[in-house]
């Protein structure tokens, strides 16, 4: 299972790193009721690299018991 999490993390990182070349420098993150929004740098999405592996690990652990 640890090997699958490492592979999922690596594949996610490669996909997100590739997408950063296609995205604009700033990405809208949140829009309020008034229509004003906040933006983040495009490299912010690389912080989400381990999320699919963590979700996979949590689901597998939950259903193994």
Protein backbone atom coordinates (compact mmCIF):
# COMPACT_ATOMS: atom_id res chain seq x y z
CA UNK A 1 0.00 0.00 0.00
CA UNK A 2 2.88 2.36 0.71
CA UNK A 3 4.17 1.87 -2.82
CA UNK A 4 0.77 2.80 -4.28
CA UNK A 5 0.69 6.01 -2.21
CA UNK A 6 4.15 6.96 -3.46
CA UNK A 7 3.13 6.27 -7.06
CA UNK A 8 -0.10 8.26 -6.67
CA UNK A 9 1.83 11.19 -5.18
CA UNK A 10 4.44 11.11 -7.96
CA UNK A 11 1.85 10.93 -10.75
CA UNK A 12 -0.16 13.75 -9.18
CA UNK A 13 2.96 15.90 -8.89
CA UNK A 14 3.88 15.30 -12.54
CA UNK A 15 0.37 16.19 -13.72
CA UNK A 16 0.20 19.34 -11.57
CA UNK A 17 3.72 20.41 -12.56
CA UNK A 18 2.79 20.01 -16.22
CA UNK A 19 -0.40 22.03 -15.73
CA UNK A 20 1.53 24.93 -14.19
CA UNK A 21 3.02 25.65 -17.61
CA UNK A 22 -0.47 26.02 -19.08
CA UNK A 23 -1.96 28.20 -16.36
CA UNK A 24 -1.77 31.99 -16.06
CA UNK A 25 0.52 33.43 -13.38
CA UNK A 26 -2.38 34.14 -11.01
CA UNK A 27 -5.34 31.83 -10.42
CA UNK A 28 -8.64 33.00 -8.87
CA UNK A 29 -9.16 31.13 -5.62
CA UNK A 30 -12.30 32.54 -4.06
CA UNK A 31 -15.02 35.00 -5.01
CA UNK A 32 -17.11 36.77 -2.40
CA UNK A 33 -20.72 37.87 -2.57
CA UNK A 34 -19.69 41.31 -3.81
CA UNK A 35 -17.83 39.75 -6.75
CA UNK A 36 -14.36 40.60 -5.53
CA UNK A 37 -12.00 37.69 -5.50
CA UNK A 38 -8.67 36.60 -4.16
CA UNK A 39 -5.92 35.18 -6.33
CA UNK A 40 -2.96 32.90 -5.69
CA UNK A 41 0.22 32.14 -7.58
CA UNK A 42 -0.04 29.23 -10.00
CA UNK A 43 2.52 27.25 -7.99
CA UNK A 44 0.08 27.13 -5.08
CA UNK A 45 -1.57 24.07 -6.66
CA UNK A 46 1.63 22.08 -6.10
CA UNK A 47 0.81 22.13 -2.38
CA UNK A 48 -2.10 19.82 -3.17
CA UNK A 49 0.14 17.06 -4.52
CA UNK A 50 -0.26 14.66 -1.56
CA UNK A 51 -4.05 15.06 -1.29
CA UNK A 52 -5.02 12.12 -3.59
CA UNK A 53 -2.59 9.78 -1.82
CA UNK A 54 -3.89 10.81 1.60
CA UNK A 55 -7.49 10.26 0.48
CA UNK A 56 -6.57 6.86 -1.00
CA UNK A 57 -4.83 5.84 2.22
CA UNK A 58 -7.77 6.97 4.39
CA UNK A 59 -10.36 5.15 2.26
CA UNK A 60 -8.35 1.93 2.08
CA UNK A 61 -7.75 2.03 5.84
CA UNK A 62 -11.45 2.61 6.51
CA UNK A 63 -12.69 -0.27 4.35
CA UNK A 64 -9.99 -2.76 5.41
CA UNK A 65 -11.39 -2.91 8.95
